[in-house]
């Protein structure tokens, strides 16, 4: 065996080991182990097994894995979460990272069904008849978006300003904004009737329907109906990679036109982090309407367009999603 082959075999073995580790970790997150473990109060394998109604032998095997990888610490009184393990619980101090962990289970299912999900007009979302979108937003999108609120508040959002969220889903991002800035008047549009109805019911339950209006609407067809400066602020979070590549520049123009004070968008960029190429290929088999993450050249062209055509606007960018993209603020001077 030559040196090149030996090196490649080592790389493949390392890749397989990392993949298995990720699968075992995802199994633990999905099963709820990290929710039943605490950094301060030890629990025995028997207690965890009873709480989750699991086979204790399987629980012990998973705990051995978790201890071996420093996610869990074994003490004389039982098992506790380490600081590393705390990132995998819903109380994680880093919400965007927790959202990335949550999406792994969706990627796994899309990959396991890849003989179908790679086909034209098929995806895990299509195969499950829409079930993916029902749980995806609270598990993934909301965690990816939660960390953006502090960034928004740093850009002079007035407490009585108006804001419209494009591609709002069930409006959960707007509810996060409402909790932070309860006097703002908020509107969200989305093409998914099921999501909008779900969001309206939640708003009614919380007694905030007068603060958050959720509407059926398509960014490609309906934004032209809004007058210039219809809202103080526009948010368009995790939307562009579901939008046709050749229409993204025009969408930016429309967002700027409708906003009186500024626009906040997100851009996931393929070249920004090694994980992005993997995520791009997996998103394509997860969603039917996924059109791809930005290429850096596309982002550069849009930035040039904004600078050239909107002299009253200033672009600022903040890294998000663990270095895989930006929160883009287009602020009117």
Protein backbone atom coordinates (compact mmCIF):
# COMPACT_ATOMS: atom_id res chain seq x y z
CA UNK A 1 0.00 0.00 0.00
CA UNK A 2 1.49 3.34 -1.04
CA UNK A 3 1.59 6.43 1.15
CA UNK A 4 -1.17 8.23 -0.79
CA UNK A 5 -3.61 5.32 -0.33
CA UNK A 6 -2.73 5.01 3.34
CA UNK A 7 -3.40 8.71 3.86
CA UNK A 8 -6.72 8.58 2.01
CA UNK A 9 -7.83 5.56 4.03
CA UNK A 10 -7.07 7.46 7.22
CA UNK A 11 -9.13 10.41 6.00
CA UNK A 12 -12.07 8.16 5.16
CA UNK A 13 -11.87 6.39 8.53
CA UNK A 14 -11.87 9.79 10.24
CA UNK A 15 -14.88 10.89 8.21
CA UNK A 16 -16.80 7.73 9.10
CA UNK A 17 -15.92 8.14 12.78
CA UNK A 18 -17.14 11.76 12.76
CA UNK A 19 -20.34 10.73 10.97
CA UNK A 20 -21.10 8.00 13.51
CA UNK A 21 -20.42 10.42 16.35
CA UNK A 22 -22.84 12.91 14.80
CA UNK A 23 -25.49 10.22 14.40
CA UNK A 24 -25.19 9.11 18.03
CA UNK A 25 -25.31 12.73 19.16
CA UNK A 26 -28.39 13.43 17.03
CA UNK A 27 -30.05 10.31 18.43
CA UNK A 28 -29.48 11.62 21.95
CA UNK A 29 -30.85 15.07 21.12
CA UNK A 30 -33.93 13.64 19.40
CA UNK A 31 -34.55 11.10 22.17
CA UNK A 32 -34.54 13.85 24.80
CA UNK A 33 -31.49 12.85 26.87
CA UNK A 34 -30.15 16.40 27.03
CA UNK A 35 -33.50 17.66 28.36
CA UNK A 36 -33.48 15.14 31.21
CA UNK A 37 -29.89 15.78 32.23
CA UNK A 38 -28.81 18.79 34.30
CA UNK A 39 -25.43 20.49 34.84
CA UNK A 40 -26.03 20.53 38.61
CA UNK A 41 -28.41 17.73 39.60
CA UNK A 42 -27.13 14.19 38.89
CA UNK A 43 -29.48 11.52 37.59
CA UNK A 44 -28.82 7.81 37.40
CA UNK A 45 -29.25 5.76 34.25
CA UNK A 46 -32.28 4.15 35.88
CA UNK A 47 -33.89 7.51 36.58
CA UNK A 48 -33.32 8.67 33.00
CA UNK A 49 -34.61 5.36 31.66
CA UNK A 50 -37.78 5.64 33.75
CA UNK A 51 -38.38 9.28 32.78
CA UNK A 52 -38.16 8.52 29.06
CA UNK A 53 -39.59 4.99 29.21
CA UNK A 54 -36.47 3.60 27.50
CA UNK A 55 -34.56 0.32 27.71
CA UNK A 56 -31.98 0.89 30.46
CA UNK A 57 -29.27 -1.10 28.66
CA UNK A 58 -29.58 1.15 25.61
CA UNK A 59 -29.59 4.22 27.83
CA UNK A 60 -26.38 3.06 29.51
CA UNK A 61 -24.72 2.52 26.13
CA UNK A 62 -25.64 6.02 25.00
CA UNK A 63 -24.42 7.50 28.28
CA UNK A 64 -21.09 5.71 27.80
CA UNK A 65 -20.82 7.39 24.38
CA UNK A 66 -21.75 10.78 25.87
CA UNK A 67 -19.20 10.48 28.68
CA UNK A 68 -16.50 9.34 26.23
CA UNK A 69 -17.08 12.47 24.16
CA UNK A 70 -17.28 14.89 27.12
CA UNK A 71 -20.97 15.72 26.65
CA UNK A 72 -21.84 14.12 30.00
CA UNK A 73 -19.89 13.60 33.22
CA UNK A 74 -20.32 10.53 35.41
CA UNK A 75 -20.23 11.17 39.16
CA UNK A 76 -20.80 8.84 42.13
CA UNK A 77 -24.39 10.14 42.27
CA UNK A 78 -25.20 9.79 38.58
CA UNK A 79 -24.76 11.74 35.36
CA UNK A 80 -24.63 15.50 34.75
CA UNK A 81 -24.28 17.66 31.66
CA UNK A 82 -20.88 19.19 30.98
CA UNK A 83 -20.58 22.75 29.69
CA UNK A 84 -20.16 21.23 26.23
CA UNK A 85 -23.25 19.08 26.65
CA UNK A 86 -25.31 22.12 27.68
CA UNK A 87 -25.16 23.39 24.10
CA UNK A 88 -27.37 20.47 23.03
CA UNK A 89 -30.27 21.26 25.36
CA UNK A 90 -33.14 23.59 24.47
CA UNK A 91 -31.81 25.98 27.12
CA UNK A 92 -28.59 26.29 25.08
CA UNK A 93 -26.92 29.68 25.51
CA UNK A 94 -26.18 29.74 21.76
CA UNK A 95 -29.52 29.48 19.98
CA UNK A 96 -28.28 29.48 16.39
CA UNK A 97 -25.96 26.58 17.18
CA UNK A 98 -28.86 24.70 18.78
CA UNK A 99 -30.91 25.33 15.63
CA UNK A 100 -28.12 23.80 13.53
CA UNK A 101 -28.14 20.75 15.80
CA UNK A 102 -31.91 20.42 15.41
CA UNK A 103 -31.77 20.54 11.62
CA UNK A 104 -29.42 17.54 11.57
CA UNK A 105 -32.32 15.13 12.18
CA UNK A 106 -34.12 16.56 9.14
CA UNK A 107 -30.99 16.17 7.03
CA UNK A 108 -30.67 12.56 8.21
CA UNK A 109 -34.20 11.71 7.13
CA UNK A 110 -33.75 13.43 3.79
CA UNK A 111 -30.52 11.49 3.23
CA UNK A 112 -32.05 8.15 4.25
CA UNK A 113 -34.75 8.71 1.62
CA UNK A 114 -32.31 9.97 -1.00
CA UNK A 115 -33.34 7.41 -3.63
CA UNK A 116 -36.57 9.44 -3.76
CA UNK A 117 -35.59 12.92 -2.54
CA UNK A 118 -33.05 13.41 -5.34
CA UNK A 119 -35.80 13.00 -7.94
CA UNK A 120 -37.34 15.96 -9.73
CA UNK A 121 -40.15 17.66 -7.79
CA UNK A 122 -39.54 15.43 -4.77
CA UNK A 123 -38.03 16.18 -1.36
CA UNK A 124 -38.54 15.09 2.23
CA UNK A 125 -41.13 17.87 2.53
CA UNK A 126 -43.04 16.43 -0.46
CA UNK A 127 -42.71 12.81 0.70
CA UNK A 128 -44.09 13.66 4.14
CA UNK A 129 -46.91 15.76 2.64
CA UNK A 130 -45.88 18.92 4.43
CA UNK A 131 -45.13 17.48 7.86
CA UNK A 132 -41.57 18.85 7.78
CA UNK A 133 -42.71 22.47 7.66
CA UNK A 134 -45.06 22.01 10.63
CA UNK A 135 -42.22 21.36 13.08
CA UNK A 136 -39.24 22.89 11.26
CA UNK A 137 -39.89 26.50 12.24
CA UNK A 138 -40.08 26.06 16.04
CA UNK A 139 -37.23 23.54 16.12
CA UNK A 140 -34.86 25.10 13.60
CA UNK A 141 -35.78 28.52 12.21
CA UNK A 142 -36.77 30.08 15.53
CA UNK A 143 -33.48 29.07 17.12
CA UNK A 144 -31.52 30.38 14.14
CA UNK A 145 -33.45 33.66 14.34
CA UNK A 146 -33.55 34.19 18.11
CA UNK A 147 -30.00 35.53 18.22
CA UNK A 148 -30.91 38.22 15.65
CA UNK A 149 -33.12 40.20 18.03
CA UNK A 150 -30.22 41.89 19.80
CA UNK A 151 -28.83 42.92 16.41
CA UNK A 152 -32.18 44.43 15.41
CA UNK A 153 -32.48 46.39 18.65
CA UNK A 154 -29.05 47.94 18.06
CA UNK A 155 -30.31 49.65 14.90
CA UNK A 156 -32.67 52.25 16.39
CA UNK A 157 -35.94 50.40 16.00
CA UNK A 158 -38.54 52.68 17.56
CA UNK A 159 -40.80 51.07 20.12
CA UNK A 160 -43.90 52.20 18.16
CA UNK A 161 -42.49 51.54 14.67
CA UNK A 162 -44.18 49.30 12.09
CA UNK A 163 -42.49 46.19 10.72
CA UNK A 164 -43.36 43.60 8.07
CA UNK A 165 -41.76 40.15 8.00
CA UNK A 166 -41.53 38.47 4.57
CA UNK A 167 -41.84 34.66 4.59
CA UNK A 168 -43.04 34.74 8.17
CA UNK A 169 -44.24 31.12 8.40
CA UNK A 170 -46.43 30.92 11.50
CA UNK A 171 -45.20 34.30 12.70
CA UNK A 172 -43.02 32.98 15.49
CA UNK A 173 -40.18 35.40 14.65
CA UNK A 174 -42.67 38.25 14.99
CA UNK A 175 -43.69 36.91 18.40
CA UNK A 176 -40.03 36.97 19.42
CA UNK A 177 -39.85 40.60 18.26
CA UNK A 178 -43.09 41.38 20.12
CA UNK A 179 -41.68 39.97 23.36
CA UNK A 180 -38.65 42.23 22.99
CA UNK A 181 -40.51 45.33 21.70
CA UNK A 182 -44.20 44.92 22.65
CA UNK A 183 -45.40 48.31 21.34
CA UNK A 184 -44.37 47.70 17.74
CA UNK A 185 -47.07 47.06 15.12
CA UNK A 186 -46.10 43.85 13.31
CA UNK A 187 -47.26 42.26 10.05
CA UNK A 188 -46.18 38.99 8.46
CA UNK A 189 -46.88 37.46 5.05
CA UNK A 190 -46.37 33.88 3.88
CA UNK A 191 -47.66 31.66 1.08
CA UNK A 192 -48.40 28.74 3.42
CA UNK A 193 -52.05 28.90 4.52
CA UNK A 194 -51.55 26.15 7.13
CA UNK A 195 -48.70 28.08 8.78
CA UNK A 196 -50.62 31.36 8.76
CA UNK A 197 -53.70 29.78 10.34
CA UNK A 198 -51.51 28.09 12.96
CA UNK A 199 -49.90 31.43 13.76
CA UNK A 200 -53.24 33.23 14.00
CA UNK A 201 -54.48 30.65 16.50
CA UNK A 202 -51.34 31.09 18.58
CA UNK A 203 -51.69 34.88 18.51
CA UNK A 204 -55.31 34.56 19.65
CA UNK A 205 -54.26 32.24 22.46
CA UNK A 206 -51.65 34.75 23.62
CA UNK A 207 -54.00 37.72 23.24
CA UNK A 208 -51.73 39.58 20.80
CA UNK A 209 -53.75 39.46 17.57
CA UNK A 210 -54.06 43.25 17.68
CA UNK A 211 -50.25 43.54 17.63
CA UNK A 212 -49.40 40.90 15.01
CA UNK A 213 -51.30 40.64 11.74
CA UNK A 214 -50.62 37.51 9.67
CA UNK A 215 -51.56 37.53 5.98
CA UNK A 216 -51.44 35.14 3.04
CA UNK A 217 -49.02 36.68 0.57
CA UNK A 218 -46.32 35.88 -1.97
CA UNK A 219 -43.21 38.05 -2.14
CA UNK A 220 -42.96 37.38 -5.88
CA UNK A 221 -46.49 38.52 -6.66
CA UNK A 222 -47.83 40.73 -3.88
CA UNK A 223 -45.09 43.16 -2.82
CA UNK A 224 -45.93 45.42 -5.75
CA UNK A 225 -49.27 46.14 -4.07
CA UNK A 226 -47.55 47.96 -1.22
CA UNK A 227 -46.81 51.69 -1.53
CA UNK A 228 -43.34 53.17 -1.05
CA UNK A 229 -42.48 53.38 2.63
CA UNK A 230 -45.47 51.29 3.72
CA UNK A 231 -43.59 50.03 6.80
CA UNK A 232 -40.78 51.49 8.87
CA UNK A 233 -38.88 48.22 8.73
CA UNK A 234 -38.84 45.07 6.62
CA UNK A 235 -37.38 41.74 7.75
CA UNK A 236 -36.71 38.92 5.32
CA UNK A 237 -35.06 36.15 7.33
CA UNK A 238 -33.92 32.82 5.86
CA UNK A 239 -35.90 33.51 2.67
CA UNK A 240 -33.47 34.21 -0.17
CA UNK A 241 -32.35 30.59 -0.58
CA UNK A 242 -35.98 29.73 -1.37
CA UNK A 243 -36.19 32.49 -3.97
CA UNK A 244 -35.23 32.13 -7.66
CA UNK A 245 -31.61 33.20 -8.13
CA UNK A 246 -32.37 35.49 -11.08
CA UNK A 247 -35.07 37.34 -9.08
CA UNK A 248 -33.16 37.99 -5.86
CA UNK A 249 -31.83 41.38 -6.90
CA UNK A 250 -35.34 42.59 -7.74
CA UNK A 251 -36.58 41.36 -4.36
CA UNK A 252 -33.92 43.49 -2.64
CA UNK A 253 -35.11 46.51 -4.65
CA UNK A 254 -38.70 45.90 -3.54
CA UNK A 255 -37.76 45.48 0.11
CA UNK A 256 -35.88 48.79 0.06
CA UNK A 257 -38.78 50.52 -1.69
CA UNK A 258 -41.38 49.39 0.85
CA UNK A 259 -39.20 50.18 3.90
CA UNK A 260 -39.19 53.71 5.29
CA UNK A 261 -36.23 53.25 7.62
CA UNK A 262 -34.47 50.02 6.69
CA UNK A 263 -34.35 46.34 5.76
CA UNK A 264 -32.92 43.34 7.59
CA UNK A 265 -32.20 40.18 5.60
CA UNK A 266 -30.02 37.12 5.99
CA UNK A 267 -27.64 35.68 3.43
CA UNK A 268 -26.22 32.15 3.64
CA UNK A 269 -23.08 32.01 1.47
CA UNK A 270 -21.54 28.82 0.10
CA UNK A 271 -17.94 29.95 0.34
CA UNK A 272 -18.09 31.32 3.89
CA UNK A 273 -17.68 28.04 5.81
CA UNK A 274 -16.86 24.39 4.94
CA UNK A 275 -20.21 23.20 6.34
CA UNK A 276 -22.17 25.31 3.86
CA UNK A 277 -21.57 23.09 0.83
CA UNK A 278 -22.86 20.08 2.80
CA UNK A 279 -25.87 22.04 4.03
CA UNK A 280 -26.61 23.29 0.51
CA UNK A 281 -26.80 19.76 -0.91
CA UNK A 282 -28.94 18.53 2.00
CA UNK A 283 -31.36 21.47 1.86
CA UNK A 284 -31.97 20.61 -1.80
CA UNK A 285 -33.36 17.18 -0.87
CA UNK A 286 -35.17 18.50 2.19
CA UNK A 287 -37.24 21.19 0.42
CA UNK A 288 -38.84 21.31 -3.03
CA UNK A 289 -38.48 25.08 -3.41
CA UNK A 290 -34.88 25.41 -2.20
CA UNK A 291 -32.98 27.35 -4.86
CA UNK A 292 -29.53 27.31 -3.28
CA UNK A 293 -27.41 29.40 -0.95
CA UNK A 294 -25.78 32.54 -2.31
CA UNK A 295 -22.47 32.42 -4.11
CA UNK A 296 -20.14 35.22 -3.02
CA UNK A 297 -20.15 36.71 -6.52
CA UNK A 298 -23.96 37.01 -6.41
CA UNK A 299 -23.80 38.81 -3.08
CA UNK A 300 -21.16 41.19 -4.43
CA UNK A 301 -23.37 42.08 -7.41
CA UNK A 302 -26.36 42.82 -5.19
CA UNK A 303 -24.22 44.97 -2.88
CA UNK A 304 -22.96 46.93 -5.91
CA UNK A 305 -26.54 47.42 -7.12
CA UNK A 306 -27.64 48.80 -3.75
CA UNK A 307 -24.64 51.13 -3.52
CA UNK A 308 -25.18 52.40 -7.08
CA UNK A 309 -28.96 52.82 -7.06
CA UNK A 310 -29.75 53.70 -3.46
CA UNK A 311 -27.37 56.45 -2.38
CA UNK A 312 -29.52 57.00 0.72
CA UNK A 313 -28.77 53.48 1.99
CA UNK A 314 -25.90 52.08 4.02
CA UNK A 315 -25.15 48.33 4.16
CA UNK A 316 -23.75 46.71 7.30
CA UNK A 317 -23.18 43.00 7.82
CA UNK A 318 -22.88 40.90 10.97
CA UNK A 319 -21.65 37.26 10.84
CA UNK A 320 -24.32 34.72 11.89
CA UNK A 321 -24.94 30.94 11.79
CA UNK A 322 -21.48 30.22 13.16
CA UNK A 323 -19.76 32.00 10.29
CA UNK A 324 -21.92 30.61 7.47
CA UNK A 325 -23.68 33.84 6.58
CA UNK A 326 -24.59 37.40 7.50
CA UNK A 327 -27.38 39.42 8.97
CA UNK A 328 -27.59 42.25 6.44
CA UNK A 329 -28.87 45.65 7.55
CA UNK A 330 -29.72 48.10 4.76
CA UNK A 331 -30.35 51.33 6.63
CA UNK A 332 -31.73 54.50 5.08
CA UNK A 333 -29.78 57.62 5.98
